[in-house]
Each structure stands twice: as structure tokens, then as C-alpha cells.
Amino acid sequence: MAKTPWIIILSVILRSSQVICQEAILHISNGATDKEYCLVYNSLWTNLSLSLSTATAYPLVNLSSSLLCNSAGVSPDIVRGKAVVVMRGQCNFSQKAVVAQDLGAAALIVASTTSMSPPGANVTEYEKVQIPLALMRYTDFLDAQNVFGEEMQVRLYAPAVPVFDASIVVMLLIGVVTVALGGYWSGACERERLSASRGGGGEEKSDSGDLALYSPLKVVIFVGLMCLMLVLMYFFYKYLVYVIIAIFCLASATALFSCLDALLDLAKCSPMSVTVLGRSVSVRSVLLSAVCVTVAVVWGVYRNEDRWIWILQDLLGVAFCLNFLKTISLSNFKICVILLSLLLLYDVFFVFITPLFMPNGESIMVQVALGPDAAGEKGNTVEVPAERLTPYEKLPVVMRVPRFSVWAQNLCGMQFSILGYGDIIVPGLLVAYCSRFDVWVNSPKKIYLFCCCIAYLCGMVLTFAVMLVTKMGQPALLYLVPFTLLGSALLAWRRGEMRQFWNGTTYEMEHLTMAAEEESADYS
């Protein structure tokens, strides 16, 4: 049962940013007044002008009382050569676009009362639609009606976004520093356990909840359960997302306490124990617990406030990843190879293979990452009053850093560079193993930890480079797993320690060896 929360969390943090939300601008004018609103579109489906001066102006027709799933009740004379606003729901985006196109509309704007995710459909349907298609918030359309009435001229354009944003460097630093610190902490804990066992006494600092993966069968079962959890998330997202949020709050508060407690131990801060009802109580632990729970609760309450909550999410995320790397240990390099390879296949399968047999070409991984409304929509959607609209719940499993290019932030909200926890934790488990191996063989200058961190840095740099060249999100494990596995294996081979590195030297194995030697000495 103790493994269940880790399986649930890990199954949803291994996600890829394969769909990038492309923002655009809707410029509205009536000759006397101008105002701009946020649009979201799919650049693989729709081409928009790069500037306002080159964008085509269209008269706007308000069909927000219609879902436009068919042409019934709509006269072609009303919409011909104009931009049309319809409501989201009932049918998918491509169906609405084809109906609007057949009626002679020049552009289609879908007003959304739910999430603002880029419109998608089966790739084969992209060729059917030749008119611009974009989403806007229903509340923005209501505001435009109040400002302009029914006489509106609109232009749709998407200013060029700088290819490189400095937030990528910050994200790179967060990933590398977290992996390095997590690996170092895991090695420090292993050194304490070995010292305690060799000293024949003393108090070990290891946590009772530590989980070691030492059997290939256990690894296969572990990954299989993760696959099951991801599929359950796909079908029951709107219920399980709150379970994940609750688990994250609890796990991150515990992790933050563990990290801060370790820092205070390092600073030799007194626990300041007092006696209450005959029991010794650590004042330091009580205060730390209150702080950590408060931080987690504040994040849980204000998790959709993009302007500042990303700071708390990144703080909790770093603490969560560090504690994960300290808590979960891999016993040898063979287990590392099996686990990382299976998780790489897991990532590739659920991102690239599942669209081949899922409805509308949906990727299970991307759908879980973006929420159930990420692709073409089906089902009923009712008109929601503006005051009842709430941000769509998303999984709290990414590091977020605001982008420095802010042209769209004033309209669409803050834009972020993101890095999934899985892109830190999965290779980080290998880094942690390398750090423990440094302790086992007493290697100089922590050479295995240093080498694996450099390999992780190279993999991250390549990931971001490919992302910038292709202008598409990348599954980072596709680059991180080969770099870290090959880098650490080459080092072990070069140092002539490959057999020991492959088989591992765990504390339990050494303890049994020492006990056997002592027993043999007693008999002699």
C-alpha cells in the first residue's frame, strides 16, 4: 500500500509537451474604437498573418446562439465573406469549420466557456478546412459586444514569437540543479547507513518509507501499474484530477518538510525539544510542519492564479523531486537500464502510438497532460454565465517559469516554459544510483555523480535545441535516457568497474556479507 501514492504520481508525471498552445490576437474595430482579445489556434491547421497591417479585415457575424454542427437555420447570404462566431460544443471543431466553410464564411471563431486549448482533430481532417479557425473566451466576446455592439470589423493575426526565450535557461538550471542535489542527497543517506552499520550501532537516518527496486519483475509490475493509472486518468480525468491534486499537496508538504529538516540538520540547528504530557516534542518539527502544510494549502487554494502561484508550485515541485530521488532507490545498473528503457517506451507508446488507434487520433499522454478538452470536442456544452466560469483543472506535475516575451501575456494570461517532473525524476533515479555507487567504491571527487549530471545536462541541451529547431514540444526522455545510460556505462567501462556497476553493491548485500564473515570467524 505504501507504494500506491508513488505509482499514481509517477504515472502522471511522465508526460510530454507534444502540443504547444499557440496564441494569436483578435483585433476588433468599429471605425472609432479598437480593442484586442486573446485567440488560441492550431498552427498545424490554420495559418494567420504575422502582423496587423497584413491581416485581412472581416465583418463579424454573431451566431453565438448556434453550435453550427449543421447549416440548418443559417442563410449563406448572412455569413458569406464574413467571420462567424459560434459556441463550442456538441460536435468537434472540424465539423463546425466545414459547415462554416460550405456556407461561405471567411473565418470561424469558436467562443469557449471551458478551457482555451488549441483546436485539434484527426490529421486527415486538416486538409478539409481552408478557412482560419480559432478559439476565444466567451467572456471576451461578451465584453466585445458591450464595447462595439453588433457592428464589428475583425482581424486575426499571430505576431512572431522569439525562437529563443531566456526562461529556457532558467528551466535548464532548475532541472540540472535538482537532479544534482537529489543525487548528492541520496549518496549522503547511503553514506550514513554504511557508517551506522560498520560502527555496529548508532542511529540510522534512513526513512522507514524508503522503497528499493531490486527485482526486474518488480520493475515490470511497477511500470504496468503506471500504464493502468494513465489509462484510468484518460477515461476518468475530471474525477481523478482532484485525487492527484490532493495527493500532490500531501506528498509535496511531506517532501518540503524532509528537505527543510535536512537543511536545518546540516546547519546544526537544535530541535528545541520540550516535554508535553510526558512526551518529548520537537518545537522545530512542529514549526516546520506548520510552514510546509501552509505552503501546500496556499498552493491548493490559489493553484489557478498564474501571476504568482508558479513560485510555490516550483518550490513544492523541487522538494517533491528531491525527496523522491532520496526515497526511491535502484539497487543496480541492470535495474536502471530496465526501468529507464521501459519508461522511455512508455513515453513513446502513449505519445506516438496511441493516436493510431484512439478516436480522432488522440494521444493518451497529451490528452491527460492537457485535459479532456484538448482535442476535438464531443458532448454537450451549455452556456455558462461569466461569473461562474472557472479555470480548467490541470495536473500539477510540471515546473513552470514565465516566458520573458510578453506580447501575448496581457491578453492570454502568462505564458510559461514548462518541464515535467518525469524529465527530472526518471534520469534522476540513475543519477542517484551513480551517487550511491560513488560511496560504495569510494570513487574520487564523486566521479560517477559528476559524469551522470553532465550527461543529463547534455541531454537537456539537445532536447531544447531540437524543440527550438522544430518549434514543437519534445519528449525529453527520448534524449535524456540514452545520454545518461550511455554516459554512466562508458565511465564504468573506462574505469574497469563495469561488472560491479552492473550488479550493484547495496547496503543490505554488504550487511549480509559482513554477517557471514563474522559467523565464519566465530566457527573458526
Protein backbone atom coordinates (compact mmCIF):
# COMPACT_ATOMS: atom_id res chain seq x y z
CA MET A 1 0.00 0.00 0.00
CA ALA A 2 2.91 2.36 0.69
CA LYS A 3 3.87 2.14 -2.99
CA THR A 4 0.47 3.21 -4.31
CA PRO A 5 0.89 7.03 -4.00
CA TRP A 6 4.27 6.84 -5.75
CA ILE A 7 2.79 4.77 -8.59
CA ILE A 8 -0.11 7.21 -9.00
CA ILE A 9 2.14 10.26 -9.01
CA LEU A 10 4.82 8.76 -11.29
CA SER A 11 2.21 7.55 -13.78
CA VAL A 12 1.03 11.11 -14.42
CA ILE A 13 4.34 12.97 -14.22
CA LEU A 14 5.73 11.09 -17.23
CA ARG A 15 4.08 13.36 -19.72
CA SER A 16 5.33 15.17 -22.81
CA SER A 17 4.57 18.63 -24.07
CA GLN A 18 3.70 17.50 -27.57
CA VAL A 19 1.00 20.11 -28.17
CA ILE A 20 2.03 23.72 -27.91
CA CYS A 21 -0.75 26.20 -27.27
CA GLN A 22 -0.37 28.86 -29.98
CA GLU A 23 -1.75 32.26 -29.08
CA ALA A 24 -2.94 34.89 -31.51
CA ILE A 25 -4.71 38.24 -31.37
CA LEU A 26 -8.22 39.21 -32.40
CA HIS A 27 -8.27 42.90 -33.32
CA ILE A 28 -11.78 44.40 -33.26
CA SER A 29 -12.69 47.85 -34.56
CA ASN A 30 -15.81 49.83 -35.43
CA GLY A 31 -14.02 52.78 -37.01
CA ALA A 32 -13.88 54.81 -33.81
CA THR A 33 -12.70 52.30 -31.21
CA ASP A 34 -10.12 49.49 -31.32
CA LYS A 35 -9.56 46.65 -28.87
CA GLU A 36 -7.70 43.36 -28.90
CA TYR A 37 -8.52 39.96 -27.39
CA CYS A 38 -6.78 36.62 -26.96
CA LEU A 39 -7.18 33.85 -29.52
CA VAL A 40 -5.89 30.28 -29.41
CA TYR A 41 -5.29 28.38 -32.64
CA ASN A 42 -3.52 25.35 -34.05
CA SER A 43 -0.64 26.36 -36.33
CA LEU A 44 -0.67 22.93 -37.98
CA TRP A 45 -4.24 23.62 -39.07
CA THR A 46 -4.53 27.38 -39.51
CA ASN A 47 -2.17 29.97 -40.99
CA LEU A 48 -2.55 33.51 -39.66
CA SER A 49 -0.88 36.77 -40.68
CA LEU A 50 2.15 37.80 -38.66
CA SER A 51 1.14 41.45 -38.30
CA LEU A 52 -2.00 43.57 -38.07
CA SER A 53 -1.14 45.50 -41.23
CA THR A 54 -1.14 42.35 -43.37
CA ALA A 55 -4.21 40.74 -41.75
CA THR A 56 -7.48 40.68 -43.71
CA ALA A 57 -10.42 42.56 -42.19
CA TYR A 58 -13.76 40.73 -41.97
CA PRO A 59 -17.19 41.89 -40.83
CA LEU A 60 -18.20 39.82 -37.79
CA VAL A 61 -21.47 37.87 -37.66
CA ASN A 62 -22.79 36.85 -34.24
CA LEU A 63 -24.07 33.27 -34.36
CA SER A 64 -23.33 32.57 -30.69
CA SER A 65 -26.86 31.26 -30.30
CA SER A 66 -25.83 28.38 -32.62
CA LEU A 67 -23.39 25.49 -32.28
CA LEU A 68 -23.13 25.28 -36.12
CA CYS A 69 -22.96 21.49 -36.19
CA ASN A 70 -25.11 21.73 -39.33
CA SER A 71 -26.30 24.52 -41.60
CA ALA A 72 -29.96 24.35 -40.54
CA GLY A 73 -31.43 27.81 -39.98
CA VAL A 74 -28.36 29.69 -41.25
CA SER A 75 -28.58 31.58 -44.55
CA PRO A 76 -25.42 31.65 -46.67
CA ASP A 77 -26.17 35.29 -47.53
CA ILE A 78 -25.69 36.26 -43.88
CA VAL A 79 -22.23 34.72 -43.41
CA ARG A 80 -20.69 34.82 -46.91
CA GLY A 81 -17.25 36.50 -46.81
CA LYS A 82 -17.51 37.25 -43.09
CA ALA A 83 -16.05 35.98 -39.82
CA VAL A 84 -18.52 33.94 -37.78
CA VAL A 85 -18.70 33.48 -34.01
CA VAL A 86 -20.35 30.26 -32.80
CA MET A 87 -20.46 28.44 -29.46
CA ARG A 88 -18.26 25.50 -28.57
CA GLY A 89 -19.88 22.09 -28.01
CA GLN A 90 -21.99 19.24 -29.45
CA CYS A 91 -19.64 18.47 -32.35
CA ASN A 92 -15.92 18.72 -32.98
CA PHE A 93 -14.05 21.69 -34.38
CA SER A 94 -13.56 20.30 -37.87
CA GLN A 95 -17.29 19.73 -38.33
CA LYS A 96 -18.07 23.32 -37.35
CA ALA A 97 -15.34 24.59 -39.68
CA VAL A 98 -16.57 22.53 -42.65
CA VAL A 99 -20.15 23.76 -42.16
CA ALA A 100 -18.98 27.39 -41.92
CA GLN A 101 -16.79 26.95 -44.99
CA ASP A 102 -19.64 25.42 -47.02
CA LEU A 103 -21.84 28.40 -46.07
CA GLY A 104 -19.19 30.75 -47.48
CA ALA A 105 -17.75 32.10 -44.22
CA ALA A 106 -14.25 33.56 -44.43
CA ALA A 107 -13.19 32.72 -40.85
CA LEU A 108 -14.58 30.83 -37.86
CA ILE A 109 -14.21 31.91 -34.24
CA VAL A 110 -15.43 29.45 -31.59
CA ALA A 111 -16.44 31.00 -28.26
CA SER A 112 -15.41 28.74 -25.39
CA THR A 113 -16.87 28.63 -21.89
CA THR A 114 -14.35 25.98 -20.80
CA SER A 115 -10.65 25.53 -21.46
CA MET A 116 -8.64 27.52 -24.02
CA SER A 117 -6.71 24.68 -25.61
CA PRO A 118 -5.70 24.67 -29.29
CA PRO A 119 -8.38 23.17 -31.57
CA GLY A 120 -7.45 19.76 -32.88
CA ALA A 121 -8.83 16.94 -34.99
CA ASN A 122 -7.72 13.91 -36.91
CA VAL A 123 -4.82 14.87 -39.18
CA THR A 124 -6.78 13.75 -42.25
CA GLU A 125 -9.42 16.39 -41.46
CA TYR A 126 -6.92 19.26 -41.58
CA GLU A 127 -6.99 19.28 -45.38
CA LYS A 128 -10.77 19.75 -45.48
CA VAL A 129 -10.69 23.14 -43.78
CA GLN A 130 -9.33 26.10 -45.71
CA ILE A 131 -10.55 28.99 -43.55
CA PRO A 132 -8.92 30.38 -40.36
CA LEU A 133 -10.17 28.72 -37.17
CA ALA A 134 -9.51 29.95 -33.63
CA LEU A 135 -10.94 29.93 -30.10
CA MET A 136 -11.74 32.93 -27.93
CA ARG A 137 -13.12 33.21 -24.42
CA TYR A 138 -16.89 33.61 -24.27
CA THR A 139 -16.39 36.31 -21.64
CA ASP A 140 -14.21 38.25 -24.10
CA PHE A 141 -16.92 38.04 -26.75
CA LEU A 142 -19.48 39.39 -24.26
CA ASP A 143 -17.10 42.25 -23.50
CA ALA A 144 -16.68 42.98 -27.22
CA GLN A 145 -20.46 43.13 -27.62
CA ASN A 146 -20.69 45.63 -24.78
CA VAL A 147 -17.95 47.79 -26.30
CA PHE A 148 -18.81 47.58 -30.00
CA GLY A 149 -22.39 46.36 -30.24
CA GLU A 150 -23.09 44.31 -33.36
CA GLU A 151 -21.05 46.40 -35.83
CA MET A 152 -17.57 44.93 -35.70
CA GLN A 153 -14.67 44.53 -38.10
CA VAL A 154 -12.17 41.88 -37.03
CA ARG A 155 -8.63 40.88 -37.97
CA LEU A 156 -6.86 37.72 -36.85
CA TYR A 157 -3.07 37.76 -36.60
CA ALA A 158 -0.29 35.99 -34.70
CA PRO A 159 2.84 38.08 -34.02
CA ALA A 160 6.06 36.12 -34.37
CA VAL A 161 7.33 34.78 -31.05
CA PRO A 162 11.13 34.88 -30.50
CA VAL A 163 12.64 31.47 -31.20
CA PHE A 164 14.69 31.57 -28.00
CA ASP A 165 13.40 32.70 -24.64
CA ALA A 166 15.64 33.19 -21.59
CA SER A 167 13.18 31.24 -19.45
CA ILE A 168 14.57 28.09 -21.11
CA VAL A 169 17.92 28.74 -19.40
CA VAL A 170 16.19 29.08 -16.02
CA MET A 171 14.30 25.84 -16.66
CA LEU A 172 17.55 24.10 -17.61
CA LEU A 173 19.17 25.25 -14.37
CA ILE A 174 16.21 24.04 -12.31
CA GLY A 175 16.40 20.59 -13.90
CA VAL A 176 20.18 20.17 -13.59
CA VAL A 177 20.44 21.56 -10.04
CA THR A 178 17.51 19.43 -8.82
CA VAL A 179 18.98 16.26 -10.32
CA ALA A 180 22.44 17.01 -8.90
CA LEU A 181 21.14 17.83 -5.40
CA GLY A 182 18.83 14.80 -5.39
CA GLY A 183 21.69 12.53 -6.38
CA TYR A 184 24.01 14.04 -3.79
CA TRP A 185 21.37 13.66 -1.06
CA SER A 186 20.81 10.01 -1.97
CA GLY A 187 24.55 9.39 -1.74
CA ALA A 188 24.76 11.17 1.62
CA CYS A 189 21.97 8.99 3.03
CA GLU A 190 23.76 5.88 1.78
CA ARG A 191 26.99 7.02 3.45
CA GLU A 192 25.15 7.44 6.76
CA ARG A 193 23.62 3.97 6.51
CA LEU A 194 27.00 2.38 5.80
CA SER A 195 28.65 4.28 8.64
CA ALA A 196 25.95 3.19 11.05
CA SER A 197 26.24 -0.47 10.02
CA ARG A 198 30.04 -0.51 10.16
CA GLY A 199 30.02 1.20 13.54
CA GLY A 200 27.84 -1.54 14.92
CA GLY A 201 25.39 0.94 16.40
CA GLY A 202 24.25 4.50 16.15
CA GLU A 203 21.01 5.81 14.86
CA GLU A 204 20.35 5.49 11.14
CA LYS A 205 18.78 8.44 9.34
CA SER A 206 17.08 6.33 6.71
CA ASP A 207 13.35 6.76 6.42
CA SER A 208 11.11 3.82 7.16
CA GLY A 209 9.20 4.51 3.98
CA ASP A 210 12.21 4.08 1.66
CA LEU A 211 11.40 1.92 -1.36
CA ALA A 212 14.07 -0.06 -3.22
CA LEU A 213 13.53 -1.59 -6.65
CA TYR A 214 15.84 -4.60 -6.90
CA SER A 215 13.85 -7.13 -8.98
CA PRO A 216 13.23 -6.89 -12.76
CA LEU A 217 9.79 -8.38 -12.16
CA LYS A 218 9.03 -5.63 -9.63
CA VAL A 219 10.07 -3.04 -12.20
CA VAL A 220 7.81 -4.53 -14.88
CA ILE A 221 4.87 -4.64 -12.44
CA PHE A 222 5.63 -1.08 -11.35
CA VAL A 223 5.56 0.22 -14.95
CA GLY A 224 2.45 -1.88 -15.72
CA LEU A 225 0.59 -0.26 -12.83
CA MET A 226 1.66 3.15 -14.12
CA CYS A 227 0.19 2.32 -17.53
CA LEU A 228 -3.06 1.31 -15.86
CA MET A 229 -3.18 4.56 -13.88
CA LEU A 230 -2.60 6.64 -17.02
CA VAL A 231 -5.43 4.89 -18.86
CA LEU A 232 -7.72 5.44 -15.86
CA MET A 233 -6.74 9.12 -15.89
CA TYR A 234 -7.69 9.29 -19.57
CA PHE A 235 -11.20 7.92 -19.01
CA PHE A 236 -11.92 9.44 -15.58
CA TYR A 237 -9.88 12.63 -15.72
CA LYS A 238 -12.48 15.01 -14.30
CA TYR A 239 -12.72 12.92 -11.12
CA LEU A 240 -9.16 11.68 -10.67
CA VAL A 241 -7.54 15.08 -11.29
CA TYR A 242 -8.71 16.15 -7.83
CA VAL A 243 -7.30 12.96 -6.32
CA ILE A 244 -3.94 13.77 -7.93
CA ILE A 245 -4.10 17.36 -6.63
CA ALA A 246 -4.84 16.12 -3.10
CA ILE A 247 -2.03 13.54 -3.26
CA PHE A 248 0.36 16.18 -4.59
CA CYS A 249 -0.48 18.57 -1.73
CA LEU A 250 0.17 15.85 0.84
CA ALA A 251 3.29 14.47 -0.84
CA SER A 252 4.82 17.88 -1.56
CA ALA A 253 4.21 19.11 2.01
CA THR A 254 5.92 15.97 3.34
CA ALA A 255 8.77 16.41 0.86
CA LEU A 256 9.22 20.08 1.74
CA PHE A 257 9.40 19.15 5.43
CA SER A 258 12.02 16.49 4.67
CA CYS A 259 14.14 18.96 2.67
CA LEU A 260 13.94 21.79 5.22
CA ASP A 261 14.60 19.39 8.10
CA ALA A 262 17.72 18.11 6.33
CA LEU A 263 18.91 21.70 5.76
CA LEU A 264 18.45 22.53 9.45
CA ASP A 265 20.33 19.34 10.40
CA LEU A 266 23.13 20.44 8.08
CA ALA A 267 23.16 23.85 9.77
CA LYS A 268 23.26 22.04 13.15
CA CYS A 269 20.08 23.77 14.28
CA SER A 270 18.81 22.46 17.61
CA PRO A 271 15.46 20.60 17.56
CA MET A 272 14.47 22.58 20.70
CA SER A 273 12.59 19.70 22.33
CA VAL A 274 10.05 20.33 25.08
CA THR A 275 8.11 17.92 27.25
CA VAL A 276 4.34 17.86 26.78
CA LEU A 277 2.18 15.41 28.76
CA GLY A 278 5.22 13.32 29.50
CA ARG A 279 6.36 13.16 25.86
CA SER A 280 9.25 14.91 24.18
CA VAL A 281 8.08 17.17 21.34
CA SER A 282 10.39 18.88 18.86
CA VAL A 283 9.44 22.54 18.52
CA ARG A 284 11.42 22.71 15.29
CA SER A 285 9.43 19.87 13.76
CA VAL A 286 6.12 21.42 14.80
CA LEU A 287 7.03 24.79 13.28
CA LEU A 288 8.36 23.17 10.10
CA SER A 289 5.19 21.10 9.75
CA ALA A 290 3.03 24.20 10.11
CA VAL A 291 5.05 26.06 7.46
CA CYS A 292 5.02 23.16 4.97
CA VAL A 293 1.32 22.46 5.37
CA THR A 294 0.56 26.17 4.97
CA VAL A 295 2.56 26.38 1.75
CA ALA A 296 0.80 23.31 0.32
CA VAL A 297 -2.65 24.58 1.34
CA VAL A 298 -1.99 28.04 -0.14
CA TRP A 299 -0.93 26.40 -3.40
CA GLY A 300 -4.04 24.18 -3.37
CA VAL A 301 -6.37 27.12 -2.82
CA TYR A 302 -4.74 29.52 -5.29
CA ARG A 303 -3.38 26.97 -7.80
CA ASN A 304 -5.04 28.73 -10.76
CA GLU A 305 -3.58 32.19 -10.00
CA ASP A 306 -0.91 32.18 -12.68
CA ARG A 307 0.64 35.51 -11.79
CA TRP A 308 2.46 34.27 -8.69
CA ILE A 309 1.46 30.72 -7.76
CA TRP A 310 4.06 29.25 -10.12
CA ILE A 311 6.70 30.19 -7.50
CA LEU A 312 5.07 27.93 -4.89
CA GLN A 313 4.47 25.19 -7.46
CA ASP A 314 8.14 25.17 -8.45
CA LEU A 315 9.21 25.21 -4.78
CA LEU A 316 6.96 22.27 -3.96
CA GLY A 317 7.98 20.56 -7.20
CA VAL A 318 11.70 20.79 -6.46
CA ALA A 319 11.11 19.48 -2.93
CA PHE A 320 8.96 16.65 -4.30
CA CYS A 321 11.61 15.60 -6.83
CA LEU A 322 14.42 15.77 -4.26
CA ASN A 323 12.51 13.67 -1.76
CA PHE A 324 11.51 11.20 -4.49
CA LEU A 325 15.14 10.70 -5.51
CA LYS A 326 16.12 10.16 -1.88
CA THR A 327 13.22 7.81 -1.14
CA ILE A 328 13.16 5.59 -4.25
CA SER A 329 16.42 3.71 -4.85
CA LEU A 330 17.52 1.40 -7.65
CA SER A 331 19.78 -1.41 -6.46
CA ASN A 332 22.00 -1.82 -9.53
CA PHE A 333 22.63 -0.59 -13.05
CA LYS A 334 20.73 -3.53 -14.54
CA ILE A 335 17.56 -2.30 -12.83
CA CYS A 336 18.36 1.24 -14.00
CA VAL A 337 18.59 0.07 -17.63
CA ILE A 338 15.35 -1.93 -17.40
CA LEU A 339 13.36 0.84 -15.65
CA LEU A 340 14.57 3.75 -17.80
CA SER A 341 14.14 1.76 -21.02
CA LEU A 342 10.60 0.72 -20.09
CA LEU A 343 9.69 4.28 -19.12
CA LEU A 344 11.09 5.55 -22.42
CA LEU A 345 8.93 3.01 -24.27
CA TYR A 346 6.00 4.02 -22.03
CA ASP A 347 6.50 7.66 -23.03
CA VAL A 348 6.87 6.93 -26.75
CA PHE A 349 3.94 4.49 -26.83
CA PHE A 350 1.43 6.77 -25.13
CA VAL A 351 2.55 9.82 -27.12
CA PHE A 352 3.18 8.48 -30.62
CA ILE A 353 1.50 5.06 -30.87
CA THR A 354 -1.86 5.57 -29.13
CA PRO A 355 -3.04 8.14 -31.75
CA LEU A 356 -3.02 5.33 -34.30
CA PHE A 357 -5.93 3.52 -32.66
CA MET A 358 -7.62 6.15 -30.47
CA PRO A 359 -10.71 8.13 -31.65
CA ASN A 360 -9.86 11.28 -33.63
CA GLY A 361 -6.15 10.43 -33.50
CA GLU A 362 -5.85 11.43 -29.84
CA SER A 363 -2.69 10.76 -27.86
CA ILE A 364 -3.50 9.44 -24.38
CA MET A 365 -0.43 11.12 -22.89
CA VAL A 366 -1.19 14.51 -24.43
CA GLN A 367 -4.87 14.28 -23.53
CA VAL A 368 -4.05 13.58 -19.89
CA ALA A 369 -1.44 16.34 -19.89
CA LEU A 370 -3.78 18.98 -21.35
CA GLY A 371 -7.11 17.75 -20.02
CA PRO A 372 -10.05 16.13 -21.79
CA ASP A 373 -10.90 19.25 -23.83
CA ALA A 374 -7.52 19.44 -25.56
CA ALA A 375 -8.63 17.98 -28.89
CA GLY A 376 -11.80 17.97 -30.92
CA GLU A 377 -14.72 18.23 -28.57
CA LYS A 378 -17.74 16.00 -28.31
CA GLY A 379 -20.67 16.03 -25.95
CA ASN A 380 -22.98 18.71 -24.70
CA THR A 381 -21.85 22.16 -23.66
CA VAL A 382 -24.23 24.59 -22.05
CA GLU A 383 -23.83 28.33 -21.96
CA VAL A 384 -22.26 29.33 -18.64
CA PRO A 385 -22.69 32.78 -17.09
CA ALA A 386 -19.44 34.72 -16.95
CA GLU A 387 -19.37 34.87 -13.16
CA ARG A 388 -19.46 31.05 -12.96
CA LEU A 389 -16.52 30.41 -15.28
CA THR A 390 -13.52 28.79 -13.55
CA PRO A 391 -10.08 27.83 -14.92
CA TYR A 392 -9.85 24.26 -16.13
CA GLU A 393 -8.07 21.94 -13.69
CA LYS A 394 -4.71 20.66 -14.86
CA LEU A 395 -2.30 18.22 -13.31
CA PRO A 396 0.30 19.89 -11.04
CA VAL A 397 3.24 17.90 -12.38
CA VAL A 398 5.38 20.49 -14.16
CA MET A 399 7.95 23.12 -13.30
CA ARG A 400 6.82 26.45 -14.72
CA VAL A 401 8.82 29.59 -15.48
CA PRO A 402 7.13 32.64 -17.09
CA ARG A 403 8.35 33.45 -20.57
CA PHE A 404 10.15 36.76 -20.94
CA SER A 405 8.49 37.50 -24.28
CA VAL A 406 5.27 39.08 -23.02
CA TRP A 407 3.39 40.16 -26.15
CA ALA A 408 0.55 37.71 -25.51
CA GLN A 409 0.67 37.69 -21.72
CA ASN A 410 -1.53 40.75 -21.36
CA LEU A 411 -4.26 39.10 -23.45
CA CYS A 412 -3.98 35.35 -22.96
CA GLY A 413 -2.50 35.27 -19.48
CA MET A 414 1.05 34.40 -18.54
CA GLN A 415 2.91 32.10 -20.90
CA PHE A 416 5.27 29.54 -19.40
CA SER A 417 8.20 27.35 -20.30
CA ILE A 418 7.49 24.00 -18.67
CA LEU A 419 9.44 20.91 -17.67
CA GLY A 420 7.65 17.77 -16.49
CA TYR A 421 8.66 16.20 -13.18
CA GLY A 422 9.24 12.94 -15.04
CA ASP A 423 12.04 14.57 -17.04
CA ILE A 424 13.79 15.21 -13.72
CA ILE A 425 12.87 12.11 -11.70
CA VAL A 426 13.41 9.34 -14.28
CA PRO A 427 17.03 10.19 -15.20
CA GLY A 428 17.46 11.43 -11.62
CA LEU A 429 16.99 7.87 -10.33
CA LEU A 430 20.07 6.87 -12.35
CA VAL A 431 21.97 9.91 -11.07
CA ALA A 432 21.08 8.88 -7.51
CA TYR A 433 22.33 5.34 -8.18
CA CYS A 434 25.61 6.75 -9.51
CA SER A 435 25.97 8.84 -6.36
CA ARG A 436 25.45 5.80 -4.14
CA PHE A 437 27.92 3.82 -6.25
CA ASP A 438 30.48 6.59 -5.61
CA VAL A 439 30.00 5.86 -1.90
CA TRP A 440 30.25 2.08 -2.32
CA VAL A 441 33.55 2.19 -4.25
CA ASN A 442 34.83 5.37 -2.60
CA SER A 443 35.46 6.95 -6.01
CA PRO A 444 37.44 10.20 -6.03
CA LYS A 445 35.61 13.51 -6.45
CA LYS A 446 32.22 11.76 -6.89
CA ILE A 447 33.16 10.97 -10.47
CA TYR A 448 30.03 8.90 -11.27
CA LEU A 449 27.67 11.56 -9.93
CA PHE A 450 29.52 14.29 -11.83
CA CYS A 451 29.61 12.33 -15.09
CA CYS A 452 25.89 11.43 -14.98
CA CYS A 453 24.94 15.06 -14.22
CA ILE A 454 26.99 16.22 -17.23
CA ALA A 455 25.23 13.60 -19.39
CA TYR A 456 21.87 14.86 -18.11
CA LEU A 457 22.88 18.45 -18.95
CA CYS A 458 23.87 17.41 -22.49
CA GLY A 459 20.57 15.57 -22.95
CA MET A 460 18.61 18.61 -21.77
CA VAL A 461 20.53 20.95 -24.06
CA LEU A 462 19.83 18.66 -27.02
CA THR A 463 16.14 18.47 -26.05
CA PHE A 464 15.77 22.25 -26.00
CA ALA A 465 17.81 22.61 -29.20
CA VAL A 466 15.54 20.19 -31.09
CA MET A 467 12.48 21.93 -29.61
CA LEU A 468 13.71 25.33 -30.85
CA VAL A 469 14.55 24.00 -34.32
CA THR A 470 11.30 22.09 -34.82
CA LYS A 471 9.18 24.60 -32.83
CA MET A 472 7.43 21.65 -31.21
CA GLY A 473 7.47 20.25 -27.68
CA GLN A 474 9.72 17.22 -27.32
CA PRO A 475 9.54 14.05 -25.18
CA ALA A 476 12.69 14.80 -23.18
CA LEU A 477 13.19 11.18 -22.12
CA LEU A 478 13.92 10.36 -25.76
CA TYR A 479 17.20 12.25 -25.33
CA LEU A 480 17.84 12.06 -21.57
CA VAL A 481 17.65 8.28 -21.19
CA PRO A 482 20.27 7.42 -23.87
CA PHE A 483 22.62 10.19 -22.72
CA THR A 484 22.57 9.24 -19.03
CA LEU A 485 22.65 5.46 -19.55
CA LEU A 486 25.46 5.53 -22.11
CA GLY A 487 27.44 8.18 -20.23
CA SER A 488 27.47 6.30 -16.93
CA ALA A 489 28.10 2.93 -18.64
CA LEU A 490 31.08 4.29 -20.59
CA LEU A 491 32.58 5.70 -17.40
CA ALA A 492 32.21 2.37 -15.57
CA TRP A 493 33.75 0.52 -18.53
CA ARG A 494 36.62 3.01 -18.77
CA ARG A 495 37.39 2.62 -15.05
CA GLY A 496 37.19 -1.18 -15.21
CA GLU A 497 34.25 -1.29 -12.78
CA MET A 498 31.52 -2.34 -15.18
CA ARG A 499 30.75 -5.71 -13.50
CA GLN A 500 30.40 -4.11 -10.07
CA PHE A 501 28.45 -1.18 -11.53
CA TRP A 502 26.07 -3.60 -13.31
CA ASN A 503 25.45 -5.80 -10.26
CA GLY A 504 25.45 -3.06 -7.62
CA THR A 505 26.59 -3.03 -4.02
CA THR A 506 23.63 -2.29 -1.77
CA TYR A 507 23.74 -1.78 1.96
CA GLU A 508 21.75 -4.96 2.51
CA MET A 509 24.21 -7.02 0.44
CA GLU A 510 27.20 -5.63 2.32
CA HIS A 511 25.49 -6.16 5.66
CA LEU A 512 24.85 -9.84 4.82
CA THR A 513 28.44 -10.27 3.67
CA MET A 514 29.80 -8.82 6.89
CA ALA A 515 27.46 -11.01 8.97
CA ALA A 516 28.60 -14.11 7.05
CA GLU A 517 32.25 -13.20 7.61
CA GLU A 518 31.68 -12.70 11.35
CA GLU A 519 29.83 -16.03 11.60
CA SER A 520 32.67 -17.79 9.76
CA ALA A 521 35.23 -16.22 12.11
CA ASP A 522 33.25 -17.39 15.15
CA TYR A 523 33.25 -21.01 13.91
CA SER A 524 36.97 -20.91 13.25
